[in-house]
N, C-alpha and C. Protein backbone atom coordinates (compact mmCIF):
# COMPACT_ATOMS: atom_id res chain seq x y z
N MET A 1 101.31 110.80 106.05
CA MET A 1 101.23 109.37 105.87
C MET A 1 102.36 108.63 106.59
N PHE A 2 103.52 109.23 106.60
CA PHE A 2 104.67 108.52 107.12
C PHE A 2 105.18 109.08 108.44
N GLY A 3 104.42 110.00 109.03
CA GLY A 3 104.86 110.59 110.28
C GLY A 3 105.04 109.55 111.38
N LEU A 4 104.04 108.76 111.65
CA LEU A 4 104.15 107.71 112.66
C LEU A 4 104.69 106.42 112.06
N GLY A 5 104.43 106.20 110.78
CA GLY A 5 104.87 104.97 110.13
C GLY A 5 106.36 104.75 110.22
N ASP A 6 107.14 105.81 110.09
CA ASP A 6 108.60 105.70 110.15
C ASP A 6 109.05 105.28 111.55
N GLY A 7 108.47 105.88 112.56
CA GLY A 7 108.81 105.50 113.94
C GLY A 7 108.38 104.08 114.27
N PHE A 8 107.17 103.71 113.85
CA PHE A 8 106.70 102.35 114.06
C PHE A 8 107.57 101.34 113.32
N ALA A 9 108.02 101.70 112.12
CA ALA A 9 108.86 100.80 111.34
C ALA A 9 110.20 100.57 112.04
N THR A 10 110.77 101.62 112.57
CA THR A 10 112.04 101.48 113.29
C THR A 10 111.87 100.59 114.52
N TYR A 11 110.84 100.86 115.30
CA TYR A 11 110.60 100.05 116.50
C TYR A 11 110.34 98.59 116.14
N THR A 12 109.46 98.37 115.18
CA THR A 12 109.11 97.00 114.80
C THR A 12 110.31 96.26 114.21
N GLY A 13 111.06 96.94 113.34
CA GLY A 13 112.22 96.31 112.72
C GLY A 13 113.30 95.95 113.71
N THR A 14 113.57 96.84 114.66
CA THR A 14 114.64 96.56 115.63
C THR A 14 114.19 95.59 116.72
N THR A 15 112.92 95.59 117.07
CA THR A 15 112.44 94.73 118.14
C THR A 15 112.03 93.35 117.64
N TYR A 16 111.28 93.31 116.54
CA TYR A 16 110.72 92.05 116.07
C TYR A 16 111.28 91.58 114.73
N GLY A 17 112.10 92.39 114.10
CA GLY A 17 112.59 92.07 112.76
C GLY A 17 113.52 90.86 112.73
N LYS A 18 113.15 89.88 111.94
CA LYS A 18 113.95 88.67 111.80
C LYS A 18 114.38 88.43 110.35
N HIS A 19 113.63 88.99 109.41
CA HIS A 19 113.87 88.73 107.99
C HIS A 19 114.49 89.95 107.33
N ARG A 20 115.78 89.89 107.06
CA ARG A 20 116.50 91.00 106.43
C ARG A 20 116.12 91.13 104.97
N LEU A 21 116.08 92.37 104.49
CA LEU A 21 115.81 92.61 103.08
C LEU A 21 117.04 92.23 102.26
N PRO A 22 116.86 91.57 101.11
CA PRO A 22 118.02 91.16 100.32
C PRO A 22 118.83 92.34 99.78
N TRP A 23 118.19 93.47 99.49
CA TRP A 23 118.88 94.61 98.91
C TRP A 23 119.41 95.59 99.96
N ASN A 24 119.02 95.42 101.21
CA ASN A 24 119.53 96.27 102.29
C ASN A 24 119.51 95.46 103.58
N ARG A 25 120.65 94.93 103.95
CA ARG A 25 120.75 94.04 105.11
C ARG A 25 120.54 94.78 106.43
N ASN A 26 120.48 96.10 106.42
CA ASN A 26 120.24 96.88 107.64
C ASN A 26 118.76 97.05 107.94
N LYS A 27 117.89 96.67 107.00
CA LYS A 27 116.45 96.83 107.17
C LYS A 27 115.79 95.46 107.17
N THR A 28 114.59 95.40 107.78
CA THR A 28 113.89 94.12 107.85
C THR A 28 112.55 94.20 107.12
N MET A 29 112.06 93.03 106.74
CA MET A 29 110.75 92.93 106.10
C MET A 29 109.65 93.38 107.06
N GLU A 30 109.78 93.03 108.33
CA GLU A 30 108.78 93.41 109.32
C GLU A 30 108.67 94.93 109.45
N GLY A 31 109.80 95.61 109.49
CA GLY A 31 109.80 97.07 109.58
C GLY A 31 109.21 97.71 108.33
N THR A 32 109.54 97.17 107.18
CA THR A 32 109.02 97.70 105.91
C THR A 32 107.51 97.53 105.83
N LEU A 33 107.01 96.37 106.23
CA LEU A 33 105.56 96.14 106.21
C LEU A 33 104.84 97.03 107.22
N ARG A 34 105.48 97.28 108.36
CA ARG A 34 104.88 98.16 109.37
C ARG A 34 104.81 99.60 108.86
N LEU A 35 105.82 100.01 108.12
CA LEU A 35 105.80 101.35 107.52
C LEU A 35 104.63 101.45 106.55
N MET A 36 104.45 100.43 105.71
CA MET A 36 103.33 100.45 104.78
C MET A 36 101.98 100.46 105.51
N ALA A 37 101.88 99.67 106.57
CA ALA A 37 100.64 99.62 107.33
C ALA A 37 100.34 100.98 107.98
N GLY A 38 101.36 101.63 108.48
CA GLY A 38 101.18 102.96 109.06
C GLY A 38 100.74 103.97 108.03
N ALA A 39 101.31 103.88 106.84
CA ALA A 39 100.95 104.81 105.77
C ALA A 39 99.53 104.57 105.26
N MET A 40 99.06 103.34 105.40
CA MET A 40 97.72 103.02 104.91
C MET A 40 96.61 103.70 105.71
N ARG A 41 96.95 104.27 106.85
CA ARG A 41 95.92 105.00 107.61
C ARG A 41 95.36 106.17 106.81
N ALA A 42 96.11 106.61 105.83
CA ALA A 42 95.66 107.73 104.99
C ALA A 42 94.47 107.35 104.13
N ILE A 43 94.14 106.06 104.09
CA ILE A 43 93.00 105.60 103.30
C ILE A 43 91.70 106.24 103.79
N LEU A 44 91.72 106.71 105.04
CA LEU A 44 90.54 107.34 105.60
C LEU A 44 90.22 108.68 104.94
N ILE A 45 91.23 109.34 104.38
CA ILE A 45 90.99 110.67 103.80
C ILE A 45 91.42 110.79 102.33
N LEU A 46 92.15 109.81 101.82
CA LEU A 46 92.63 109.85 100.44
C LEU A 46 92.05 108.68 99.65
N PRO A 47 92.00 108.79 98.32
CA PRO A 47 91.52 107.67 97.51
C PRO A 47 92.38 106.42 97.72
N VAL A 48 91.74 105.27 97.68
CA VAL A 48 92.42 104.00 97.96
C VAL A 48 93.58 103.74 97.01
N SER A 49 93.38 103.94 95.71
CA SER A 49 94.44 103.63 94.74
C SER A 49 95.67 104.51 94.95
N ALA A 50 95.46 105.79 95.20
CA ALA A 50 96.59 106.70 95.44
C ALA A 50 97.32 106.31 96.73
N THR A 51 96.56 105.97 97.76
CA THR A 51 97.16 105.59 99.04
C THR A 51 97.99 104.32 98.90
N LEU A 52 97.46 103.33 98.21
CA LEU A 52 98.21 102.07 98.01
C LEU A 52 99.51 102.32 97.26
N LEU A 53 99.43 103.09 96.20
CA LEU A 53 100.62 103.36 95.39
C LEU A 53 101.67 104.12 96.20
N VAL A 54 101.28 105.16 96.88
CA VAL A 54 102.23 105.98 97.63
C VAL A 54 102.78 105.22 98.84
N ALA A 55 101.96 104.42 99.49
CA ALA A 55 102.44 103.63 100.63
C ALA A 55 103.49 102.61 100.17
N ALA A 56 103.22 101.92 99.08
CA ALA A 56 104.18 100.93 98.56
C ALA A 56 105.46 101.60 98.09
N LEU A 57 105.33 102.71 97.36
CA LEU A 57 106.51 103.42 96.88
C LEU A 57 107.32 103.99 98.05
N GLY A 58 106.65 104.53 99.03
CA GLY A 58 107.34 105.07 100.20
C GLY A 58 108.09 104.00 100.97
N ALA A 59 107.46 102.84 101.16
CA ALA A 59 108.13 101.75 101.86
C ALA A 59 109.35 101.27 101.07
N PHE A 60 109.23 101.23 99.74
CA PHE A 60 110.37 100.81 98.92
C PHE A 60 111.51 101.82 98.99
N ILE A 61 111.19 103.10 98.86
CA ILE A 61 112.23 104.14 98.92
C ILE A 61 112.91 104.12 100.29
N GLU A 62 112.13 103.95 101.34
CA GLU A 62 112.68 103.90 102.69
C GLU A 62 113.64 102.72 102.86
N SER A 63 113.40 101.64 102.15
CA SER A 63 114.23 100.44 102.29
C SER A 63 115.55 100.52 101.52
N LEU A 64 115.66 101.48 100.63
CA LEU A 64 116.89 101.61 99.82
C LEU A 64 118.03 102.21 100.64
N THR A 65 119.23 101.94 100.21
CA THR A 65 120.41 102.55 100.81
C THR A 65 120.74 103.80 100.01
N LEU A 66 120.36 104.95 100.52
CA LEU A 66 120.58 106.21 99.83
C LEU A 66 121.53 107.09 100.63
N LYS A 67 122.28 107.90 99.93
CA LYS A 67 123.18 108.85 100.60
C LYS A 67 122.39 110.04 101.17
N LEU A 68 121.20 110.29 100.64
CA LEU A 68 120.37 111.41 101.08
C LEU A 68 119.63 111.04 102.36
N ASN A 69 119.29 112.04 103.15
CA ASN A 69 118.51 111.83 104.36
C ASN A 69 117.06 111.56 103.97
N ASP A 70 116.59 110.35 104.21
CA ASP A 70 115.24 109.98 103.79
C ASP A 70 114.16 110.68 104.60
N ASN A 71 114.50 111.24 105.76
CA ASN A 71 113.52 111.98 106.54
C ASN A 71 113.18 113.33 105.89
N ILE A 72 113.98 113.76 104.94
CA ILE A 72 113.71 114.98 104.19
C ILE A 72 113.19 114.64 102.80
N THR A 73 113.86 113.74 102.12
CA THR A 73 113.49 113.43 100.73
C THR A 73 112.17 112.67 100.62
N LEU A 74 111.93 111.74 101.52
CA LEU A 74 110.71 110.94 101.43
C LEU A 74 109.43 111.78 101.53
N PRO A 75 109.28 112.66 102.51
CA PRO A 75 108.06 113.47 102.54
C PRO A 75 107.90 114.37 101.32
N VAL A 76 108.99 114.90 100.80
CA VAL A 76 108.91 115.77 99.62
C VAL A 76 108.46 114.97 98.40
N VAL A 77 109.10 113.85 98.16
CA VAL A 77 108.77 113.03 96.99
C VAL A 77 107.34 112.50 97.08
N LEU A 78 106.94 112.00 98.25
CA LEU A 78 105.60 111.43 98.38
C LEU A 78 104.51 112.50 98.37
N SER A 79 104.80 113.65 98.91
CA SER A 79 103.82 114.75 98.83
C SER A 79 103.61 115.18 97.39
N LEU A 80 104.68 115.27 96.64
CA LEU A 80 104.58 115.61 95.22
C LEU A 80 103.78 114.54 94.47
N LEU A 81 104.04 113.28 94.77
CA LEU A 81 103.31 112.20 94.10
C LEU A 81 101.83 112.24 94.43
N ILE A 82 101.48 112.44 95.70
CA ILE A 82 100.06 112.55 96.08
C ILE A 82 99.41 113.73 95.36
N TYR A 83 100.11 114.85 95.31
CA TYR A 83 99.59 116.03 94.62
C TYR A 83 99.31 115.72 93.16
N LEU A 84 100.22 115.04 92.51
CA LEU A 84 100.04 114.72 91.09
C LEU A 84 98.93 113.69 90.86
N LEU A 85 98.76 112.77 91.79
CA LEU A 85 97.72 111.74 91.66
C LEU A 85 96.32 112.27 91.92
N LEU A 86 96.24 113.29 92.75
CA LEU A 86 94.92 113.84 93.06
C LEU A 86 94.58 114.90 92.07
């Protein structure tokens, strides 16, 4: 879900991002929305409700300032969540 979404979010946020997130000034609303849009491609193979929930949660977790590497923790957490929802 987030393989391309993360790259698209970085590109969109750094190139077109104008609106900084209030809780993380290093991230933009445009990048966060692009990440969610990229994750929504999973709607083609997963149930809509599970995809919406995981896409929103993933975009929120990605926007947080965490000490952990989100490129490792995000796929693990979201894969576990998808597994539990299905």
